[in-house]
């Protein structure tokens, strides 16, 4: 009834505004104000009171537009505002984005329920959106979800490659799990990546665009450029070998642009607004296209997973442009978060000299033969592991997405079928009910003192459920190995900035949605002066 009244007043006001008679204008504006007031009262006061079982909505001022601008300007601030609006209850609430309601789930128990109930909360909806955002055609997306059937017309390799006859999307997920979960295939990729990183992190080899100043005894390094260059180079070569660099010599530069602006691709920002992203993506796509056209016998250095995915997309009959987009999406996902994680771990440690000394002492045995012993680093360095986990807690700004398949109650609140559930990791990782009064602080020993926190429902740097990141083992080895080698091989100093003052600690870039580990503000960096340690000379 109140809704009918609102639309009745609004319709009369609209007619008055369109009338040629000047007199109705006097009535129209008050009418619109009354209609707007009724809408606000109904939407955010009366309706929540009358329908107490439904998820409440964070108030907004502009109908339909809702929280859209706030989400893209400062998503974390918007979600924090929602938590405060509902007095820190951490019950599910919703925001409005372009007319659509998004459910925000932040309580640890509710998050666990969403991840564990893959029937009521589907991951596939997000994957479909991601495939579309990265440029797969409508037909290719339909092909990707098709489940093949056994029979005389099946591809000769289908039975051996896909014995459970899963869809292409789910087969690729299985391929990546086989490559990246503990086993022979992970060992092969891990050894490949770490040997390349180990080679890079030698004084004689540490040259590149990340070196700002150099002398015979010291160099000034951009840590942002260092992490991007070394991780991109090592990961890309472990996936495609050296061949991809022959097809696109500026791989690292273009991938850096792609990583910085990938949020626009993921969130479907029109390409007219992203010329730098478009240019970088086009160059990378051409390289991938040439790589796909290269006979398999000449792609001798590619990872098992890459070859398997190339074969699978061809087996399903996917068009060439969509195959390029699929491989580009996988390439981006393989290293973008690791770059940012390396940067933030390095930054947090370098600003704490006592922590630098403690980590050097703990990791030194891994370099007794000068070559890096990654097994020792992964198994015998608890302070390093705790430091890594704590940094991820502070900098992970990702949001996990699920679609509600059937009406479901969480904490007594009804989430309706068809809605999207957003799980914001930053709010999980800063819940004071879990992390106490030091939630905003970097406490490197936190997970050392309380190891069970790493498996708490409010700690999700790698997601959960069917989307639990299989690359977590490789990422940990890369970041921890990178840091251990950097600390042991070099003497490190943080020089004063150009203004003669101490460099500010880099700030998280909260101005755009994060697709994983939040990057640092674009015009900020951390410059360090290094020289070889005594034993590394």
Protein backbone atom coordinates (compact mmCIF):
# COMPACT_ATOMS: atom_id res chain seq x y z
CA UNK A 1 0.00 0.00 0.00
CA UNK A 2 2.83 2.41 0.88
CA UNK A 3 4.56 1.53 -2.36
CA UNK A 4 1.41 2.33 -4.33
CA UNK A 5 1.14 5.65 -2.51
CA UNK A 6 4.76 6.47 -3.34
CA UNK A 7 4.29 5.77 -7.04
CA UNK A 8 1.01 7.68 -7.09
CA UNK A 9 2.62 10.82 -5.70
CA UNK A 10 5.68 10.40 -7.91
CA UNK A 11 3.51 10.00 -11.04
CA UNK A 12 1.51 13.14 -10.28
CA UNK A 13 4.68 15.09 -9.61
CA UNK A 14 6.18 13.91 -12.91
CA UNK A 15 3.07 14.97 -14.82
CA UNK A 16 3.21 18.34 -13.14
CA UNK A 17 6.86 18.84 -14.07
CA UNK A 18 6.07 18.03 -17.71
CA UNK A 19 3.06 20.34 -17.84
CA UNK A 20 3.20 23.66 -19.70
CA UNK A 21 1.21 25.25 -16.90
CA UNK A 22 3.59 26.94 -14.45
CA UNK A 23 1.26 26.54 -11.48
CA UNK A 24 1.75 22.73 -10.99
CA UNK A 25 5.48 23.32 -10.45
CA UNK A 26 4.66 24.77 -7.05
CA UNK A 27 3.11 21.40 -6.06
CA UNK A 28 5.50 19.12 -7.95
CA UNK A 29 8.65 19.68 -5.90
CA UNK A 30 6.95 19.13 -2.51
CA UNK A 31 5.30 16.06 -4.03
CA UNK A 32 8.64 14.62 -5.04
CA UNK A 33 10.02 15.35 -1.58
CA UNK A 34 7.07 13.56 0.02
CA UNK A 35 7.47 10.60 -2.33
CA UNK A 36 11.20 10.42 -1.61
CA UNK A 37 10.60 10.59 2.15
CA UNK A 38 8.03 7.78 1.93
CA UNK A 39 10.48 5.66 -0.06
CA UNK A 40 13.22 6.19 2.52
CA UNK A 41 10.92 5.47 5.46
CA UNK A 42 9.53 2.35 3.83
CA UNK A 43 12.82 0.95 2.55
CA UNK A 44 14.99 1.42 5.62
CA UNK A 45 12.58 1.59 8.56
CA UNK A 46 9.09 0.17 8.06
CA UNK A 47 9.88 -2.72 5.69
CA UNK A 48 12.79 -4.08 7.83
CA UNK A 49 10.53 -3.86 10.91
CA UNK A 50 7.64 -5.67 9.17
CA UNK A 51 9.90 -8.32 7.56
CA UNK A 52 12.35 -8.98 10.38
CA UNK A 53 13.54 -12.32 8.95
CA UNK A 54 14.82 -10.72 5.75
CA UNK A 55 18.35 -9.36 5.38
CA UNK A 56 18.45 -5.63 6.13
CA UNK A 57 19.91 -3.16 3.67
CA UNK A 58 22.48 -0.45 4.34
CA UNK A 59 20.68 2.88 3.69
CA UNK A 60 21.54 4.84 0.56
CA UNK A 61 20.35 8.12 -0.94
CA UNK A 62 19.80 7.53 -4.66
CA UNK A 63 17.30 4.84 -5.77
CA UNK A 64 18.63 2.17 -8.17
CA UNK A 65 22.18 3.61 -8.08
CA UNK A 66 22.41 2.69 -4.41
CA UNK A 67 25.97 1.99 -3.24
CA UNK A 68 27.46 1.58 -6.72
CA UNK A 69 29.87 4.52 -6.55
CA UNK A 70 30.89 3.72 -2.97
CA UNK A 71 31.70 0.13 -3.95
CA UNK A 72 34.08 1.20 -6.70
CA UNK A 73 35.62 4.14 -4.83
CA UNK A 74 36.20 2.40 -1.48
CA UNK A 75 34.67 -1.05 -1.13
CA UNK A 76 36.26 -1.68 2.27
CA UNK A 77 34.91 1.61 3.62
CA UNK A 78 31.42 0.75 2.38
CA UNK A 79 31.43 -2.66 4.05
CA UNK A 80 32.81 -1.22 7.29
CA UNK A 81 30.03 1.34 7.20
CA UNK A 82 27.54 -1.51 6.92
CA UNK A 83 29.06 -3.35 9.88
CA UNK A 84 28.93 -0.17 12.00
CA UNK A 85 25.38 0.62 10.88
CA UNK A 86 24.24 -2.71 12.30
CA UNK A 87 26.24 -2.07 15.49
CA UNK A 88 28.96 -4.63 14.91
CA UNK A 89 26.57 -7.58 15.05
CA UNK A 90 28.26 -9.15 11.97
CA UNK A 91 24.90 -10.48 10.84
CA UNK A 92 24.32 -10.67 7.07
CA UNK A 93 23.35 -7.35 5.49
CA UNK A 94 22.92 -6.17 1.92
CA UNK A 95 24.04 -3.34 -0.34
CA UNK A 96 22.45 -2.11 -3.56
CA UNK A 97 24.50 -1.99 -6.77
CA UNK A 98 22.77 -0.81 -9.95
CA UNK A 99 19.43 -2.01 -8.63
CA UNK A 100 20.71 -5.44 -7.54
CA UNK A 101 20.96 -6.48 -3.91
CA UNK A 102 24.24 -8.08 -2.85
CA UNK A 103 24.34 -10.00 0.44
CA UNK A 104 27.43 -9.29 2.57
CA UNK A 105 28.48 -12.13 4.88
CA UNK A 106 31.21 -11.43 7.45
CA UNK A 107 30.57 -13.65 10.52
CA UNK A 108 33.04 -16.59 10.63
CA UNK A 109 30.34 -19.23 11.19
CA UNK A 110 28.23 -17.86 8.35
CA UNK A 111 31.24 -17.82 6.04
CA UNK A 112 31.99 -21.45 6.89
CA UNK A 113 28.39 -22.39 6.09
CA UNK A 114 28.52 -20.63 2.71
CA UNK A 115 31.75 -22.40 1.76
CA UNK A 116 30.60 -25.81 3.00
CA UNK A 117 27.16 -25.74 1.36
CA UNK A 118 28.06 -25.79 -2.32
CA UNK A 119 24.51 -26.84 -3.28
CA UNK A 120 22.77 -23.76 -1.85
CA UNK A 121 25.68 -21.42 -2.63
CA UNK A 122 27.12 -21.86 -6.12
CA UNK A 123 30.63 -20.87 -7.24
CA UNK A 124 29.82 -21.45 -10.90
CA UNK A 125 27.96 -18.14 -11.24
CA UNK A 126 31.14 -16.20 -10.50
CA UNK A 127 33.16 -18.36 -12.88
CA UNK A 128 30.66 -17.69 -15.65
CA UNK A 129 31.00 -13.95 -15.06
CA UNK A 130 34.80 -14.21 -15.03
CA UNK A 131 34.84 -16.12 -18.33
CA UNK A 132 32.65 -13.44 -19.89
CA UNK A 133 34.78 -10.61 -18.48
CA UNK A 134 37.96 -12.11 -19.93
CA UNK A 135 36.45 -12.27 -23.40
CA UNK A 136 35.14 -15.81 -23.95
CA UNK A 137 32.32 -15.77 -26.49
CA UNK A 138 28.80 -16.81 -25.53
CA UNK A 139 29.22 -20.05 -27.49
CA UNK A 140 32.58 -20.74 -25.84
CA UNK A 141 31.05 -20.25 -22.39
CA UNK A 142 28.26 -22.62 -23.30
CA UNK A 143 30.84 -25.14 -24.52
CA UNK A 144 32.81 -24.69 -21.29
CA UNK A 145 29.88 -25.82 -19.15
CA UNK A 146 28.87 -28.72 -21.39
CA UNK A 147 29.30 -32.15 -19.81
CA UNK A 148 30.42 -34.68 -22.44
CA UNK A 149 28.78 -38.08 -22.62
CA UNK A 150 30.57 -41.39 -23.16
CA UNK A 151 29.91 -43.04 -26.48
CA UNK A 152 31.28 -43.84 -29.91
CA UNK A 153 31.42 -40.16 -30.93
CA UNK A 154 33.59 -39.07 -28.01
CA UNK A 155 37.09 -37.69 -28.56
CA UNK A 156 39.75 -40.45 -28.39
CA UNK A 157 41.48 -38.71 -25.45
CA UNK A 158 38.32 -37.95 -23.48
CA UNK A 159 38.22 -41.14 -21.42
CA UNK A 160 41.85 -40.96 -20.29
CA UNK A 161 41.94 -37.21 -19.76
CA UNK A 162 38.48 -36.75 -18.29
CA UNK A 163 37.36 -40.12 -16.84
CA UNK A 164 34.54 -38.52 -14.84
CA UNK A 165 33.26 -36.65 -17.91
CA UNK A 166 33.21 -33.27 -16.19
CA UNK A 167 32.57 -29.95 -17.90
CA UNK A 168 35.60 -28.15 -19.31
CA UNK A 169 35.55 -25.56 -16.50
CA UNK A 170 35.62 -28.22 -13.80
CA UNK A 171 38.20 -30.28 -15.68
CA UNK A 172 40.53 -27.27 -15.81
CA UNK A 173 40.01 -26.81 -12.07
CA UNK A 174 41.08 -30.45 -11.60
CA UNK A 175 44.09 -29.97 -13.85
CA UNK A 176 45.29 -27.07 -11.74
CA UNK A 177 44.77 -29.02 -8.55
CA UNK A 178 46.86 -31.87 -9.94
CA UNK A 179 49.58 -29.40 -10.90
CA UNK A 180 49.61 -27.33 -7.73
CA UNK A 181 48.63 -29.60 -4.84
CA UNK A 182 51.46 -31.61 -3.21
CA UNK A 183 52.85 -34.30 -5.49
CA UNK A 184 55.31 -34.88 -8.31
CA UNK A 185 53.79 -32.24 -10.60
CA UNK A 186 53.99 -29.52 -7.96
CA UNK A 187 57.57 -30.55 -7.16
CA UNK A 188 58.52 -30.13 -10.81
CA UNK A 189 56.98 -26.66 -11.08
CA UNK A 190 58.27 -25.59 -7.66
CA UNK A 191 61.83 -26.58 -8.52
CA UNK A 192 61.55 -24.73 -11.81
CA UNK A 193 60.22 -21.50 -10.27
CA UNK A 194 62.56 -21.50 -7.27
CA UNK A 195 65.69 -22.25 -9.29
CA UNK A 196 64.91 -19.23 -11.47
CA UNK A 197 64.28 -17.01 -8.43
CA UNK A 198 67.44 -18.34 -6.80
CA UNK A 199 69.44 -17.41 -9.88
CA UNK A 200 67.93 -13.93 -10.04
CA UNK A 201 68.72 -13.23 -6.39
CA UNK A 202 72.48 -13.38 -6.88
CA UNK A 203 74.45 -10.13 -6.79
CA UNK A 204 76.01 -10.84 -10.18
CA UNK A 205 72.58 -11.35 -11.79
CA UNK A 206 70.55 -8.65 -10.06
CA UNK A 207 70.31 -6.19 -12.95
CA UNK A 208 67.22 -4.79 -14.59
CA UNK A 209 64.72 -1.91 -14.66
CA UNK A 210 64.26 -2.29 -10.89
CA UNK A 211 67.81 -0.94 -10.28
CA UNK A 212 67.57 2.83 -9.78
CA UNK A 213 71.23 3.51 -8.96
CA UNK A 214 74.26 1.26 -9.14
CA UNK A 215 77.93 1.23 -8.17
CA UNK A 216 80.50 -1.51 -7.79
CA UNK A 217 79.53 -2.04 -4.15
CA UNK A 218 75.90 -0.96 -3.77
CA UNK A 219 72.61 -0.64 -5.63
CA UNK A 220 69.36 1.19 -4.96
CA UNK A 221 66.39 -1.02 -5.75
CA UNK A 222 62.69 -0.33 -6.35
CA UNK A 223 61.10 -3.15 -4.36
CA UNK A 224 57.84 -2.79 -6.28
CA UNK A 225 59.62 -3.24 -9.62
CA UNK A 226 61.87 -5.98 -8.20
CA UNK A 227 58.95 -8.13 -7.06
CA UNK A 228 56.99 -7.62 -10.27
CA UNK A 229 59.97 -8.40 -12.49
CA UNK A 230 61.31 -11.47 -10.68
CA UNK A 231 57.96 -13.14 -9.93
CA UNK A 232 56.57 -12.48 -13.42
CA UNK A 233 59.71 -13.74 -15.14
CA UNK A 234 60.08 -16.87 -12.99
CA UNK A 235 56.39 -17.83 -13.04
CA UNK A 236 55.90 -17.15 -16.75
CA UNK A 237 58.97 -19.13 -17.79
CA UNK A 238 57.88 -22.04 -15.56
CA UNK A 239 54.52 -22.06 -17.37
CA UNK A 240 55.52 -21.39 -21.00
CA UNK A 241 59.29 -21.64 -21.09
CA UNK A 242 61.37 -19.04 -22.93
CA UNK A 243 59.26 -19.24 -26.08
CA UNK A 244 56.61 -16.75 -24.93
CA UNK A 245 59.34 -14.10 -24.51
CA UNK A 246 60.37 -14.61 -28.14
CA UNK A 247 56.80 -13.84 -29.22
CA UNK A 248 56.50 -10.83 -26.88
CA UNK A 249 59.78 -9.42 -25.52
CA UNK A 250 57.86 -6.92 -23.35
CA UNK A 251 55.96 -9.63 -21.45
CA UNK A 252 56.90 -8.25 -18.03
CA UNK A 253 55.95 -4.65 -18.84
CA UNK A 254 52.61 -5.61 -20.37
CA UNK A 255 51.74 -8.04 -17.60
CA UNK A 256 52.50 -5.31 -15.04
CA UNK A 257 49.95 -3.04 -16.74
CA UNK A 258 47.48 -5.91 -16.98
CA UNK A 259 47.91 -6.73 -13.28
CA UNK A 260 47.45 -3.11 -12.19
CA UNK A 261 44.24 -2.71 -14.17
CA UNK A 262 42.86 -6.26 -14.07
CA UNK A 263 40.13 -5.18 -11.65
CA UNK A 264 38.54 -3.25 -14.55
CA UNK A 265 38.47 -6.44 -16.61
CA UNK A 266 37.06 -8.55 -13.76
CA UNK A 267 34.35 -6.00 -12.96
CA UNK A 268 33.39 -5.49 -16.60
CA UNK A 269 34.41 -1.83 -16.99
CA UNK A 270 33.77 -0.83 -20.66
CA UNK A 271 36.97 -0.99 -22.71
CA UNK A 272 36.56 2.64 -23.83
CA UNK A 273 37.66 3.66 -20.33
CA UNK A 274 40.74 1.40 -20.19
CA UNK A 275 43.04 2.21 -23.16
CA UNK A 276 46.25 1.16 -21.34
CA UNK A 277 44.70 -2.16 -20.34
CA UNK A 278 43.43 -2.76 -23.87
CA UNK A 279 46.86 -2.15 -25.40
CA UNK A 280 48.67 -4.45 -22.96
CA UNK A 281 46.03 -7.13 -23.29
CA UNK A 282 46.21 -7.04 -27.08
CA UNK A 283 50.00 -7.51 -27.03
CA UNK A 284 49.74 -10.43 -24.59
CA UNK A 285 46.88 -12.01 -26.56
CA UNK A 286 48.95 -11.94 -29.77
CA UNK A 287 51.79 -13.72 -27.93
CA UNK A 288 49.40 -16.36 -26.58
CA UNK A 289 47.88 -16.81 -30.06
CA UNK A 290 51.32 -17.45 -31.55
CA UNK A 291 52.08 -19.83 -28.70
CA UNK A 292 48.90 -21.81 -29.39
CA UNK A 293 49.83 -22.03 -33.06
CA UNK A 294 53.23 -23.53 -32.15
CA UNK A 295 53.29 -27.35 -32.48
CA UNK A 296 53.30 -29.17 -29.14
CA UNK A 297 56.65 -30.82 -29.92
CA UNK A 298 58.25 -27.36 -30.01
CA UNK A 299 56.70 -26.27 -26.69
CA UNK A 300 59.11 -28.45 -24.75
CA UNK A 301 59.42 -26.22 -21.66
CA UNK A 302 55.75 -25.70 -20.89
CA UNK A 303 54.22 -26.86 -17.60
CA UNK A 304 52.11 -30.01 -17.63
CA UNK A 305 49.00 -28.00 -16.70
CA UNK A 306 49.43 -25.54 -19.57
CA UNK A 307 49.77 -28.32 -22.15
CA UNK A 308 46.76 -30.15 -20.68
CA UNK A 309 44.57 -27.04 -20.75
CA UNK A 310 45.56 -26.28 -24.35
CA UNK A 311 44.65 -29.83 -25.33
CA UNK A 312 41.36 -29.74 -23.42
CA UNK A 313 40.13 -26.47 -24.95
CA UNK A 314 40.91 -27.85 -28.40
CA UNK A 315 39.15 -31.13 -27.56
CA UNK A 316 35.98 -29.22 -26.63
CA UNK A 317 36.06 -27.34 -29.95
CA UNK A 318 36.45 -23.88 -28.42
CA UNK A 319 37.07 -21.06 -30.92
CA UNK A 320 40.63 -19.73 -31.13
CA UNK A 321 39.92 -16.27 -29.72
CA UNK A 322 38.24 -17.77 -26.65
CA UNK A 323 41.10 -20.24 -26.17
CA UNK A 324 43.46 -17.26 -26.08
CA UNK A 325 41.24 -15.53 -23.51
CA UNK A 326 41.08 -18.66 -21.35
CA UNK A 327 44.85 -19.06 -21.31
CA UNK A 328 45.35 -15.35 -20.65
CA UNK A 329 43.02 -15.55 -17.64
CA UNK A 330 44.95 -18.52 -16.23
CA UNK A 331 48.27 -16.78 -16.84
CA UNK A 332 47.10 -13.66 -14.98
CA UNK A 333 45.75 -15.68 -12.04
CA UNK A 334 49.01 -17.63 -11.69
CA UNK A 335 51.15 -14.77 -10.45
CA UNK A 336 49.31 -11.47 -9.82
CA UNK A 337 48.68 -12.08 -6.11
CA UNK A 338 52.19 -13.44 -5.53
CA UNK A 339 53.74 -10.19 -6.78
CA UNK A 340 51.79 -8.08 -4.31
CA UNK A 341 52.35 -10.58 -1.48
CA UNK A 342 56.13 -10.44 -2.05
CA UNK A 343 56.12 -6.66 -1.98
CA UNK A 344 54.13 -6.39 1.25
CA UNK A 345 56.07 -9.09 3.10
CA UNK A 346 59.35 -7.43 2.12
CA UNK A 347 58.07 -3.98 3.14
CA UNK A 348 56.78 -5.08 6.55
CA UNK A 349 59.97 -6.96 7.39
CA UNK A 350 62.46 -4.33 6.20
CA UNK A 351 60.92 -1.66 8.44
CA UNK A 352 61.62 -3.84 11.51
CA UNK A 353 65.40 -4.35 12.00
CA UNK A 354 64.91 -6.79 14.89
CA UNK A 355 62.65 -8.92 12.69
CA UNK A 356 65.23 -8.81 9.88
CA UNK A 357 67.86 -10.14 12.27
CA UNK A 358 65.58 -12.87 13.65
CA UNK A 359 64.53 -14.06 10.19
CA UNK A 360 68.13 -14.07 8.94
CA UNK A 361 69.14 -16.26 11.86
CA UNK A 362 66.20 -18.62 11.33
CA UNK A 363 66.69 -19.03 7.57
CA UNK A 364 70.49 -18.98 7.42
CA UNK A 365 70.82 -22.83 7.47
CA UNK A 366 68.86 -22.93 4.20
CA UNK A 367 71.86 -21.27 2.50
CA UNK A 368 74.74 -23.21 4.03
CA UNK A 369 75.70 -24.44 0.55
CA UNK A 370 74.92 -20.98 -0.89
CA UNK A 371 72.12 -22.42 -3.07
CA UNK A 372 68.65 -22.03 -1.58
CA UNK A 373 67.19 -25.08 0.21
CA UNK A 374 63.48 -24.40 -0.19
CA UNK A 375 62.52 -27.56 1.70
CA UNK A 376 64.27 -26.25 4.81
CA UNK A 377 62.54 -22.87 4.46
CA UNK A 378 59.11 -24.48 4.16
CA UNK A 379 59.55 -26.93 7.03
CA UNK A 380 61.84 -25.34 9.62
CA UNK A 381 61.13 -21.61 9.69
CA UNK A 382 58.06 -20.99 11.91
CA UNK A 383 58.68 -17.27 12.43
CA UNK A 384 58.94 -16.75 8.67
CA UNK A 385 55.69 -18.64 8.16
CA UNK A 386 53.95 -16.63 10.88
CA UNK A 387 55.21 -13.38 9.34
CA UNK A 388 53.90 -14.44 5.92
CA UNK A 389 50.46 -15.36 7.30
CA UNK A 390 50.22 -12.11 9.26
CA UNK A 391 51.04 -9.94 6.25
CA UNK A 392 48.39 -11.74 4.19
CA UNK A 393 45.90 -11.02 6.97
CA UNK A 394 46.59 -7.31 6.67
CA UNK A 395 46.69 -6.87 2.89
CA UNK A 396 44.21 -9.34 1.36
CA UNK A 397 41.31 -7.33 -0.04
CA UNK A 398 39.67 -10.05 -2.13
CA UNK A 399 35.96 -10.81 -2.14
CA UNK A 400 34.63 -14.30 -2.70
CA UNK A 401 31.33 -14.57 -4.56
CA UNK A 402 28.57 -17.18 -4.52
CA UNK A 403 25.05 -17.28 -5.96
CA UNK A 404 22.15 -18.30 -3.72
CA UNK A 405 20.49 -21.26 -5.47
CA UNK A 406 17.62 -21.79 -2.98
CA UNK A 407 16.20 -19.65 -0.17
CA UNK A 408 18.58 -20.13 2.76
CA UNK A 409 18.78 -18.84 6.33
CA UNK A 410 22.06 -17.57 7.78
CA UNK A 411 22.06 -16.42 11.41
CA UNK A 412 18.28 -16.27 11.27
CA UNK A 413 18.24 -14.05 8.16
CA UNK A 414 16.71 -15.12 4.84
CA UNK A 415 18.91 -14.97 1.75
CA UNK A 416 16.67 -15.29 -1.30
CA UNK A 417 17.41 -17.50 -4.29
CA UNK A 418 19.08 -15.69 -7.18
CA UNK A 419 20.95 -13.22 -4.99
CA UNK A 420 24.73 -12.92 -4.88
CA UNK A 421 26.68 -13.47 -1.65
CA UNK A 422 29.87 -11.45 -1.14
CA UNK A 423 32.46 -12.61 1.42
CA UNK A 424 34.95 -9.74 1.98
CA UNK A 425 38.24 -11.11 3.31
CA UNK A 426 39.47 -7.81 4.72
CA UNK A 427 36.58 -7.65 7.17
CA UNK A 428 37.09 -11.30 8.16
CA UNK A 429 40.76 -10.62 8.82
CA UNK A 430 40.06 -7.55 10.96
CA UNK A 431 37.15 -8.80 13.06
CA UNK A 432 38.03 -7.65 16.62
CA UNK A 433 36.02 -10.54 18.05
CA UNK A 434 38.64 -12.87 16.56
CA UNK A 435 41.84 -10.82 16.36
CA UNK A 436 41.50 -8.71 19.49
CA UNK A 437 42.65 -5.14 20.02
CA UNK A 438 45.72 -5.57 17.77
CA UNK A 439 43.66 -6.27 14.68
CA UNK A 440 45.07 -3.24 12.81
CA UNK A 441 48.69 -3.92 13.82
CA UNK A 442 51.38 -6.05 12.22
CA UNK A 443 52.27 -8.70 14.81
CA UNK A 444 54.74 -11.11 13.13
CA UNK A 445 54.56 -13.65 15.99
CA UNK A 446 50.73 -13.79 15.99
CA UNK A 447 50.44 -17.18 14.25
CA UNK A 448 53.51 -18.48 16.07
CA UNK A 449 51.81 -17.87 19.42
CA UNK A 450 48.41 -19.12 18.27
CA UNK A 451 48.91 -21.61 15.40
CA UNK A 452 45.20 -22.51 15.29
CA UNK A 453 44.40 -19.03 13.94
CA UNK A 454 45.68 -20.13 10.53
CA UNK A 455 42.71 -22.52 10.21
CA UNK A 456 40.13 -20.22 11.82
CA UNK A 457 36.95 -19.51 9.84
CA UNK A 458 37.83 -15.81 10.00
CA UNK A 459 41.15 -16.34 8.20
CA UNK A 460 40.64 -16.85 4.47
CA UNK A 461 43.56 -15.50 2.43
CA UNK A 462 43.10 -18.36 -0.05
CA UNK A 463 39.32 -18.57 0.01
CA UNK A 464 37.54 -21.79 0.87
CA UNK A 465 35.25 -24.55 -0.30
CA UNK A 466 35.42 -25.48 -3.98
CA UNK A 467 37.39 -22.30 -4.70
CA UNK A 468 40.10 -22.96 -2.09
CA UNK A 469 43.17 -21.79 -4.02
CA UNK A 470 45.32 -24.77 -5.08
CA UNK A 471 48.24 -22.41 -5.72
CA UNK A 472 48.67 -21.61 -2.02
CA UNK A 473 51.63 -24.01 -1.63
CA UNK A 474 53.55 -22.56 -4.58
CA UNK A 475 52.75 -18.98 -3.54
CA UNK A 476 54.05 -19.58 -0.01
CA UNK A 477 57.28 -21.10 -1.33
CA UNK A 478 57.83 -18.21 -3.75
CA UNK A 479 57.22 -15.47 -1.19
CA UNK A 480 59.09 -17.10 1.70
CA UNK A 481 61.97 -18.23 -0.52
CA UNK A 482 62.20 -14.78 -2.10
CA UNK A 483 62.35 -13.07 1.30
CA UNK A 484 64.82 -15.54 2.82
CA UNK A 485 67.23 -15.19 -0.12
CA UNK A 486 66.94 -11.39 -0.13
CA UNK A 487 67.68 -11.15 3.60
CA UNK A 488 70.58 -13.60 3.55
CA UNK A 489 72.33 -12.49 0.37
CA UNK A 490 72.20 -8.74 0.89
CA UNK A 491 72.85 -6.12 3.52
CA UNK A 492 69.80 -3.85 3.42
CA UNK A 493 69.28 -0.21 4.28
CA UNK A 494 66.23 2.03 3.83
CA UNK A 495 67.66 5.36 2.61
CA UNK A 496 66.01 8.72 3.14
CA UNK A 497 63.58 9.91 0.52
CA UNK A 498 64.26 12.64 -2.04
CA UNK A 499 62.96 15.23 0.45
CA UNK A 500 65.57 14.20 3.02
CA UNK A 501 62.98 12.60 5.27
CA UNK A 502 62.39 8.94 6.10
CA UNK A 503 60.39 7.12 3.45
CA UNK A 504 56.73 6.67 4.34
CA UNK A 505 55.56 3.12 4.70
CA UNK A 506 53.64 2.26 1.49
CA UNK A 507 49.86 2.57 1.70
CA UNK A 508 47.22 0.13 0.46
CA UNK A 509 45.35 1.36 -2.60
CA UNK A 510 41.74 1.45 -1.40
CA UNK A 511 40.45 3.47 -4.35
CA UNK A 512 39.49 0.52 -6.51
CA UNK A 513 38.11 -2.99 -5.91
CA UNK A 514 40.76 -5.61 -5.18
CA UNK A 515 40.74 -8.96 -6.96
CA UNK A 516 43.14 -10.48 -4.41
CA UNK A 517 46.08 -9.02 -2.51
CA UNK A 518 45.62 -5.26 -2.52
CA UNK A 519 48.27 -3.32 -4.43
CA UNK A 520 50.03 -0.31 -2.99
CA UNK A 521 49.11 3.23 -4.07
CA UNK A 522 50.29 3.72 -7.64
CA UNK A 523 52.72 6.59 -7.00
CA UNK A 524 54.23 5.00 -3.89
CA UNK A 525 57.15 2.60 -3.69
CA UNK A 526 59.80 1.43 -1.25
CA UNK A 527 63.41 2.04 -2.28
CA UNK A 528 66.15 0.10 -0.53
CA UNK A 529 69.91 0.23 -0.75
CA UNK A 530 71.59 -3.18 -0.93
CA UNK A 531 75.07 -4.57 -1.06
CA UNK A 532 76.20 -8.21 -1.01
CA UNK A 533 76.48 -9.82 2.40
CA UNK A 534 79.95 -11.02 3.38
CA UNK A 535 79.37 -14.70 2.63
CA UNK A 536 77.50 -13.98 -0.63
CA UNK A 537 80.40 -12.07 -2.22
